[in-house]
Every structure is written in structure tokens, then in C-alpha cells.
Amino acid sequence: MHPAKAFMVDDRARLLAFLAEHSFVTLCASVGGRPFVAQAPVVVRDLGADGLFLDFHLSRMNALAGAVVTGFSAVALASGAHAYVSPDWYGTDDQVPTWNYVSVEAEGFATPLSDAETIQLLDDLSAQEEARLLPKTVWTRDKMTPARFDALLRGVVGARLHVERLEGTFKLGQNKREAERAGVIAALGDHPVAAWMRGEG
């Protein structure tokens, strides 16, 4: 996360909404002294006082999959809109290039899901993503033969990240004067970062 406090976001509801919208995350972990990175879609489980969890699955061929059995510490990064910002856009002297972006980090310990929990995860995940495609008819695994689903299920491992830290960086020029920010917004035009800078993200 960016160290400048001006860019830090700790509003839980806002961060969870961002995670739900940007549900394909990059997982970073160190296992056995080696760094690993994996990408996975997640389902957010906000159970209030019982905890916050990100459920995900990996191919059994993934380098991190074997470590799920014993568990591992990880950071899940959800990335959103980003854009290069030219110094020329500020309309003032002595500026440098930068990058505006929005992202959320969830840090915690990953543990395995049971077979039943993994099946529930896969059902919930497809329901979550199919809902984004409405009015398309929703796909469910009822359209598969049980034997085919079981065969594919054996190829994945389900896991749950027990979130201990949740924070975001919404770096949108908050450290600049209003006229400078307006120059960047105008230059970006219909870029999603411009919408975020206008408070529409």
C-alpha cells in the first residue's frame, strides 16, 4: 500500500464493495522461503464478529496448491482502474510523472476448505459472476452431468483466507490543488480513473 495517508482508505464497507466488484485477485505468498504468486477469483464472506474471509480455489497444478493443506500467510491484491499522469496536465511547473490507481489489500492466513465447502464456493462463485451478465440466463452446474463435475472438482483445491488486515489505496491526486486535479481529469477524459477522481468510483 502507498505510505501516504492522503491515499489510504480504511472504510470497511467501501473496501468490501471494491473487493466484490474486483473479485479476481492476485495472491502473494512465501512458502518454504520462496515467493509465489497466483491469481484467483474470490467470494467475500463477511460474517461480522465471526470474521472476514475470502474463499478461492486453485488448480491442483498451481504451485501454491500443495501448500493449502498446511496453510500459508498471504496477501490478496484486488486491482482496479489505473492511469499514467503526465506532469503537463497539472498546468503548473516542477511536477513529475506519476500513476493514479485504486487497489485493496487483504492479508491473512489461508486454510483448506472441505469438499462440501469447495462445492459451495464454486456454486456461489458462478452465481456471483453470472449475476453480472444479466439478463443472460444464469448458468448453474445443474447443466453438467454429475460425473463431469466430480472429475473437474478433483482438479481444484478450495481455500479460505482469514483476513486479518484490510486496507486500500485510492491514489487519485488528493495531494494536488483543485486546479491541478481538474487538469488531470480533463486530460484523462472518459478514462475510469477520471471518474474515480470526480468521486464517481
C-alpha atoms as a PDB file:
ATOM      1  CA  MET A   1       0.000   0.000   0.000  1.00  0.00           C
ATOM      2  CA  HIS A   2       1.131   3.549  -0.693  1.00  0.00           C
ATOM      3  CA  PRO A   3       2.525   5.044   2.534  1.00  0.00           C
ATOM      4  CA  ALA A   4       0.924   8.489   2.119  1.00  0.00           C
ATOM      5  CA  LYS A   5      -2.060   8.825   4.449  1.00  0.00           C
ATOM      6  CA  ALA A   6      -3.886  11.014   1.927  1.00  0.00           C
ATOM      7  CA  PHE A   7      -4.380   7.954  -0.275  1.00  0.00           C
ATOM      8  CA  MET A   8      -5.259   5.393   2.400  1.00  0.00           C
ATOM      9  CA  VAL A   9      -8.804   4.059   2.724  1.00  0.00           C
ATOM     10  CA  ASP A  10      -9.991   2.090   5.749  1.00  0.00           C
ATOM     11  CA  ASP A  11     -13.762   2.351   5.325  1.00  0.00           C
ATOM     12  CA  ARG A  12     -14.706  -1.332   5.655  1.00  0.00           C
ATOM     13  CA  ALA A  13     -17.935  -1.112   3.659  1.00  0.00           C
ATOM     14  CA  ARG A  14     -16.200   0.725   0.813  1.00  0.00           C
ATOM     15  CA  LEU A  15     -13.327  -1.766   0.741  1.00  0.00           C
ATOM     16  CA  LEU A  16     -15.662  -4.770   0.751  1.00  0.00           C
ATOM     17  CA  ALA A  17     -17.694  -3.258  -2.082  1.00  0.00           C
ATOM     18  CA  PHE A  18     -14.469  -2.806  -4.051  1.00  0.00           C
ATOM     19  CA  LEU A  19     -13.459  -6.436  -3.416  1.00  0.00           C
ATOM     20  CA  ALA A  20     -16.877  -7.660  -4.527  1.00  0.00           C
ATOM     21  CA  GLU A  21     -16.606  -5.641  -7.737  1.00  0.00           C
ATOM     22  CA  HIS A  22     -12.966  -6.595  -8.417  1.00  0.00           C
ATOM     23  CA  SER A  23     -13.216 -10.236  -7.417  1.00  0.00           C
ATOM     24  CA  PHE A  24     -10.255 -11.564  -9.434  1.00  0.00           C
ATOM     25  CA  VAL A  25      -7.277 -11.098  -7.118  1.00  0.00           C
ATOM     26  CA  THR A  26      -3.540 -11.675  -7.138  1.00  0.00           C
ATOM     27  CA  LEU A  27      -2.384 -13.815  -4.213  1.00  0.00           C
ATOM     28  CA  CYS A  28       1.174 -13.285  -2.959  1.00  0.00           C
ATOM     29  CA  ALA A  29       2.700 -15.754  -0.515  1.00  0.00           C
ATOM     30  CA  SER A  30       6.019 -17.021   0.739  1.00  0.00           C
ATOM     31  CA  VAL A  31       6.163 -20.786   1.192  1.00  0.00           C
ATOM     32  CA  GLY A  32       9.334 -22.569   2.207  1.00  0.00           C
ATOM     33  CA  GLY A  33      11.337 -19.406   1.736  1.00  0.00           C
ATOM     34  CA  ARG A  34      10.204 -18.921  -1.868  1.00  0.00           C
ATOM     35  CA  PRO A  35       7.851 -16.207  -3.134  1.00  0.00           C
ATOM     36  CA  PHE A  36       4.774 -17.362  -5.044  1.00  0.00           C
ATOM     37  CA  VAL A  37       2.065 -15.516  -6.928  1.00  0.00           C
ATOM     38  CA  ALA A  38      -1.279 -16.924  -8.019  1.00  0.00           C
ATOM     39  CA  GLN A  39      -4.430 -15.381  -9.440  1.00  0.00           C
ATOM     40  CA  ALA A  40      -7.880 -16.485  -8.376  1.00  0.00           C
ATOM     41  CA  PRO A  41     -11.490 -15.332  -8.266  1.00  0.00           C
ATOM     42  CA  VAL A  42     -12.806 -14.850  -4.745  1.00  0.00           C
ATOM     43  CA  VAL A  43     -16.085 -14.833  -2.884  1.00  0.00           C
ATOM     44  CA  VAL A  44     -16.154 -12.406   0.052  1.00  0.00           C
ATOM     45  CA  ARG A  45     -17.637 -13.857   3.246  1.00  0.00           C
ATOM     46  CA  ASP A  46     -18.302 -11.074   5.747  1.00  0.00           C
ATOM     47  CA  LEU A  47     -19.515 -12.843   8.867  1.00  0.00           C
ATOM     48  CA  GLY A  48     -19.331  -9.810  11.124  1.00  0.00           C
ATOM     49  CA  ALA A  49     -17.991 -10.693  14.559  1.00  0.00           C
ATOM     50  CA  ASP A  50     -17.104 -14.182  13.289  1.00  0.00           C
ATOM     51  CA  GLY A  51     -14.608 -12.762  10.812  1.00  0.00           C
ATOM     52  CA  LEU A  52     -13.970 -11.705   7.253  1.00  0.00           C
ATOM     53  CA  PHE A  53     -12.912 -14.335   4.718  1.00  0.00           C
ATOM     54  CA  LEU A  54     -12.001 -14.581   1.058  1.00  0.00           C
ATOM     55  CA  ASP A  55     -12.818 -18.017  -0.359  1.00  0.00           C
ATOM     56  CA  PHE A  56     -10.954 -19.074  -3.500  1.00  0.00           C
ATOM     57  CA  HIS A  57      -9.841 -22.108  -5.431  1.00  0.00           C
ATOM     58  CA  LEU A  58      -6.688 -23.054  -7.283  1.00  0.00           C
ATOM     59  CA  SER A  59      -5.869 -25.659  -9.875  1.00  0.00           C
ATOM     60  CA  ARG A  60      -4.104 -28.582  -8.225  1.00  0.00           C
ATOM     61  CA  MET A  61      -1.286 -27.913 -10.706  1.00  0.00           C
ATOM     62  CA  ASN A  62      -0.776 -24.429  -9.261  1.00  0.00           C
ATOM     63  CA  ALA A  63       2.492 -24.071  -7.351  1.00  0.00           C
ATOM     64  CA  LEU A  64       0.633 -22.853  -4.248  1.00  0.00           C
ATOM     65  CA  ALA A  65      -1.987 -25.595  -4.245  1.00  0.00           C
ATOM     66  CA  GLY A  66       0.110 -28.085  -2.305  1.00  0.00           C
ATOM     67  CA  ALA A  67       0.713 -25.564   0.473  1.00  0.00           C
ATOM     68  CA  VAL A  68      -3.023 -25.161   1.135  1.00  0.00           C
ATOM     69  CA  VAL A  69      -3.055 -28.383   3.190  1.00  0.00           C
ATOM     70  CA  THR A  70      -0.796 -26.914   5.878  1.00  0.00           C
ATOM     71  CA  GLY A  71      -1.847 -23.314   5.267  1.00  0.00           C
ATOM     72  CA  PHE A  72       0.189 -20.210   4.479  1.00  0.00           C
ATOM     73  CA  SER A  73       0.233 -16.476   5.043  1.00  0.00           C
ATOM     74  CA  ALA A  74      -0.794 -14.436   2.025  1.00  0.00           C
ATOM     75  CA  VAL A  75      -1.792 -11.049   0.742  1.00  0.00           C
ATOM     76  CA  ALA A  76      -4.616 -10.802  -1.785  1.00  0.00           C
ATOM     77  CA  LEU A  77      -4.455  -7.730  -4.011  1.00  0.00           C
ATOM     78  CA  ALA A  78      -7.536  -6.518  -5.873  1.00  0.00           C
ATOM     79  CA  SER A  79      -6.551  -4.021  -8.557  1.00  0.00           C
ATOM     80  CA  GLY A  80      -8.893  -1.532 -10.162  1.00  0.00           C
ATOM     81  CA  ALA A  81      -8.561   1.340 -12.587  1.00  0.00           C
ATOM     82  CA  HIS A  82      -5.123   2.887 -13.105  1.00  0.00           C
ATOM     83  CA  ALA A  83      -3.624   5.544 -15.343  1.00  0.00           C
ATOM     84  CA  TYR A  84      -0.344   7.292 -16.049  1.00  0.00           C
ATOM     85  CA  VAL A  85      -0.480  11.014 -15.201  1.00  0.00           C
ATOM     86  CA  SER A  86       1.668  13.354 -17.279  1.00  0.00           C
ATOM     87  CA  PRO A  87       3.183  16.365 -15.454  1.00  0.00           C
ATOM     88  CA  ASP A  88       1.967  18.562 -18.330  1.00  0.00           C
ATOM     89  CA  TRP A  89      -1.638  18.033 -17.265  1.00  0.00           C
ATOM     90  CA  TYR A  90      -1.287  19.862 -13.950  1.00  0.00           C
ATOM     91  CA  GLY A  91      -0.704  23.229 -15.616  1.00  0.00           C
ATOM     92  CA  THR A  92       1.959  24.092 -13.027  1.00  0.00           C
ATOM     93  CA  ASP A  93       5.756  23.864 -13.019  1.00  0.00           C
ATOM     94  CA  ASP A  94       8.074  21.444 -11.256  1.00  0.00           C
ATOM     95  CA  GLN A  95       5.812  18.393 -11.398  1.00  0.00           C
ATOM     96  CA  VAL A  96       6.846  14.805 -12.074  1.00  0.00           C
ATOM     97  CA  PRO A  97       5.094  11.881 -13.788  1.00  0.00           C
ATOM     98  CA  THR A  98       3.039   9.637 -11.535  1.00  0.00           C
ATOM     99  CA  TRP A  99       0.413   6.924 -11.623  1.00  0.00           C
ATOM    100  CA  ASN A 100      -3.104   7.188 -10.215  1.00  0.00           C
ATOM    101  CA  TYR A 101      -4.783   3.940  -9.212  1.00  0.00           C
ATOM    102  CA  VAL A 102      -7.208   2.194  -6.898  1.00  0.00           C
ATOM    103  CA  SER A 103      -6.469  -1.084  -5.117  1.00  0.00           C
ATOM    104  CA  VAL A 104      -7.325  -3.061  -1.985  1.00  0.00           C
ATOM    105  CA  GLU A 105      -5.169  -5.456   0.032  1.00  0.00           C
ATOM    106  CA  ALA A 106      -6.424  -8.255   2.263  1.00  0.00           C
ATOM    107  CA  GLU A 107      -3.805 -10.026   4.378  1.00  0.00           C
ATOM    108  CA  GLY A 108      -4.255 -13.172   6.390  1.00  0.00           C
ATOM    109  CA  PHE A 109      -3.742 -16.919   6.670  1.00  0.00           C
ATOM    110  CA  ALA A 110      -5.069 -19.364   4.081  1.00  0.00           C
ATOM    111  CA  THR A 111      -6.500 -22.709   5.177  1.00  0.00           C
ATOM    112  CA  PRO A 112      -8.135 -25.531   3.199  1.00  0.00           C
ATOM    113  CA  LEU A 113     -11.859 -25.833   2.555  1.00  0.00           C
ATOM    114  CA  SER A 114     -13.622 -29.178   2.849  1.00  0.00           C
ATOM    115  CA  ASP A 115     -15.056 -30.801  -0.275  1.00  0.00           C
ATOM    116  CA  ALA A 116     -18.540 -29.597   0.669  1.00  0.00           C
ATOM    117  CA  GLU A 117     -17.264 -26.065   1.284  1.00  0.00           C
ATOM    118  CA  THR A 118     -15.416 -26.089  -2.033  1.00  0.00           C
ATOM    119  CA  ILE A 119     -18.577 -27.122  -3.872  1.00  0.00           C
ATOM    120  CA  GLN A 120     -20.470 -24.336  -2.114  1.00  0.00           C
ATOM    121  CA  LEU A 121     -17.725 -21.896  -3.101  1.00  0.00           C
ATOM    122  CA  LEU A 122     -17.929 -22.928  -6.758  1.00  0.00           C
ATOM    123  CA  ASP A 123     -21.723 -22.578  -6.743  1.00  0.00           C
ATOM    124  CA  ASP A 124     -21.539 -19.170  -5.052  1.00  0.00           C
ATOM    125  CA  LEU A 125     -18.778 -18.002  -7.366  1.00  0.00           C
ATOM    126  CA  SER A 126     -20.647 -18.886 -10.528  1.00  0.00           C
ATOM    127  CA  ALA A 127     -23.822 -17.270  -9.132  1.00  0.00           C
ATOM    128  CA  GLN A 128     -21.848 -14.129  -8.271  1.00  0.00           C
ATOM    129  CA  GLU A 129     -20.304 -13.834 -11.719  1.00  0.00           C
ATOM    130  CA  GLU A 130     -23.381 -14.910 -13.690  1.00  0.00           C
ATOM    131  CA  ALA A 131     -25.324 -12.117 -11.951  1.00  0.00           C
ATOM    132  CA  ARG A 132     -23.032  -9.628 -13.699  1.00  0.00           C
ATOM    133  CA  LEU A 133     -24.229 -10.979 -17.058  1.00  0.00           C
ATOM    134  CA  LEU A 134     -27.965 -10.472 -16.556  1.00  0.00           C
ATOM    135  CA  PRO A 135     -30.322 -10.579 -18.369  1.00  0.00           C
ATOM    136  CA  LYS A 136     -28.450 -13.636 -19.686  1.00  0.00           C
ATOM    137  CA  THR A 137     -29.985 -16.891 -18.462  1.00  0.00           C
ATOM    138  CA  VAL A 138     -27.986 -17.919 -15.409  1.00  0.00           C
ATOM    139  CA  TRP A 139     -25.654 -20.897 -15.754  1.00  0.00           C
ATOM    140  CA  THR A 140     -25.632 -23.413 -12.897  1.00  0.00           C
ATOM    141  CA  ARG A 141     -23.844 -26.718 -12.517  1.00  0.00           C
ATOM    142  CA  ASP A 142     -27.194 -28.468 -12.987  1.00  0.00           C
ATOM    143  CA  LYS A 143     -26.327 -28.136 -16.677  1.00  0.00           C
ATOM    144  CA  MET A 144     -23.416 -30.544 -16.133  1.00  0.00           C
ATOM    145  CA  THR A 145     -23.514 -34.275 -15.593  1.00  0.00           C
ATOM    146  CA  PRO A 146     -22.546 -35.164 -12.006  1.00  0.00           C
ATOM    147  CA  ALA A 147     -19.687 -37.351 -13.247  1.00  0.00           C
ATOM    148  CA  ARG A 148     -18.165 -34.492 -15.245  1.00  0.00           C
ATOM    149  CA  PHE A 149     -18.481 -32.070 -12.342  1.00  0.00           C
ATOM    150  CA  ASP A 150     -16.880 -34.564  -9.939  1.00  0.00           C
ATOM    151  CA  ALA A 151     -13.987 -35.114 -12.340  1.00  0.00           C
ATOM    152  CA  LEU A 152     -13.333 -31.377 -12.605  1.00  0.00           C
ATOM    153  CA  LEU A 153     -13.748 -30.915  -8.847  1.00  0.00           C
ATOM    154  CA  ARG A 154     -10.833 -33.288  -8.266  1.00  0.00           C
ATOM    155  CA  GLY A 155      -8.655 -30.888 -10.252  1.00  0.00           C
ATOM    156  CA  VAL A 156      -9.024 -27.970  -7.831  1.00  0.00           C
ATOM    157  CA  VAL A 157      -8.335 -27.195  -4.200  1.00  0.00           C
ATOM    158  CA  GLY A 158     -10.528 -24.808  -2.213  1.00  0.00           C
ATOM    159  CA  ALA A 159      -9.102 -22.406   0.338  1.00  0.00           C
ATOM    160  CA  ARG A 160     -10.143 -19.641   2.712  1.00  0.00           C
ATOM    161  CA  LEU A 161      -8.113 -16.547   3.506  1.00  0.00           C
ATOM    162  CA  HIS A 162      -8.828 -15.453   7.093  1.00  0.00           C
ATOM    163  CA  VAL A 163      -8.465 -11.685   6.698  1.00  0.00           C
ATOM    164  CA  GLU A 164      -6.504 -10.000   9.477  1.00  0.00           C
ATOM    165  CA  ARG A 165      -5.739  -6.718   7.663  1.00  0.00           C
ATOM    166  CA  LEU A 166      -7.876  -4.907   5.104  1.00  0.00           C
ATOM    167  CA  GLU A 167      -6.887  -1.575   3.613  1.00  0.00           C
ATOM    168  CA  GLY A 168      -6.990   0.288   0.372  1.00  0.00           C
ATOM    169  CA  THR A 169      -5.026   2.790  -1.642  1.00  0.00           C
ATOM    170  CA  PHE A 170      -7.117   5.146  -3.735  1.00  0.00           C
ATOM    171  CA  LYS A 171      -4.350   7.337  -5.160  1.00  0.00           C
ATOM    172  CA  LEU A 172      -6.277   9.988  -7.056  1.00  0.00           C
ATOM    173  CA  GLY A 173      -4.279  13.179  -6.745  1.00  0.00           C
ATOM    174  CA  GLN A 174      -5.625  14.108  -3.315  1.00  0.00           C
ATOM    175  CA  ASN A 175      -2.256  15.753  -2.618  1.00  0.00           C
ATOM    176  CA  LYS A 176      -2.700  18.191  -5.533  1.00  0.00           C
ATOM    177  CA  ARG A 177      -4.507  21.518  -5.755  1.00  0.00           C
ATOM    178  CA  GLU A 178      -8.020  21.510  -7.160  1.00  0.00           C
ATOM    179  CA  ALA A 179      -6.967  23.213 -10.412  1.00  0.00           C
ATOM    180  CA  GLU A 180      -4.204  20.632 -10.901  1.00  0.00           C
ATOM    181  CA  ARG A 181      -6.619  17.759 -10.328  1.00  0.00           C
ATOM    182  CA  ALA A 182      -9.076  19.350 -12.759  1.00  0.00           C
ATOM    183  CA  GLY A 183      -6.351  19.422 -15.402  1.00  0.00           C
ATOM    184  CA  VAL A 184      -5.698  15.708 -14.959  1.00  0.00           C
ATOM    185  CA  ILE A 185      -9.414  14.865 -15.056  1.00  0.00           C
ATOM    186  CA  ALA A 186      -9.853  16.838 -18.267  1.00  0.00           C
ATOM    187  CA  ALA A 187      -6.838  15.190 -19.889  1.00  0.00           C
ATOM    188  CA  LEU A 188      -7.994  11.686 -18.922  1.00  0.00           C
ATOM    189  CA  GLY A 189     -11.409  12.308 -20.468  1.00  0.00           C
ATOM    190  CA  ASP A 190     -13.621   9.229 -20.202  1.00  0.00           C
ATOM    191  CA  HIS A 191     -10.917   7.077 -18.563  1.00  0.00           C
ATOM    192  CA  PRO A 192     -12.242   5.260 -15.451  1.00  0.00           C
ATOM    193  CA  VAL A 193      -9.616   6.981 -13.291  1.00  0.00           C
ATOM    194  CA  ALA A 194     -11.164  10.341 -14.181  1.00  0.00           C
ATOM    195  CA  ALA A 195     -14.497   9.073 -12.862  1.00  0.00           C
ATOM    196  CA  TRP A 196     -12.829   7.990  -9.621  1.00  0.00           C
ATOM    197  CA  MET A 197     -11.181  11.410  -9.333  1.00  0.00           C
ATOM    198  CA  ARG A 198     -14.595  13.020  -9.724  1.00  0.00           C
ATOM    199  CA  GLY A 199     -15.891  10.884  -6.856  1.00  0.00           C
ATOM    200  CA  GLU A 200     -17.931   8.585  -9.090  1.00  0.00           C
ATOM    201  CA  GLY A 201     -15.968   5.407  -8.364  1.00  0.00           C
END
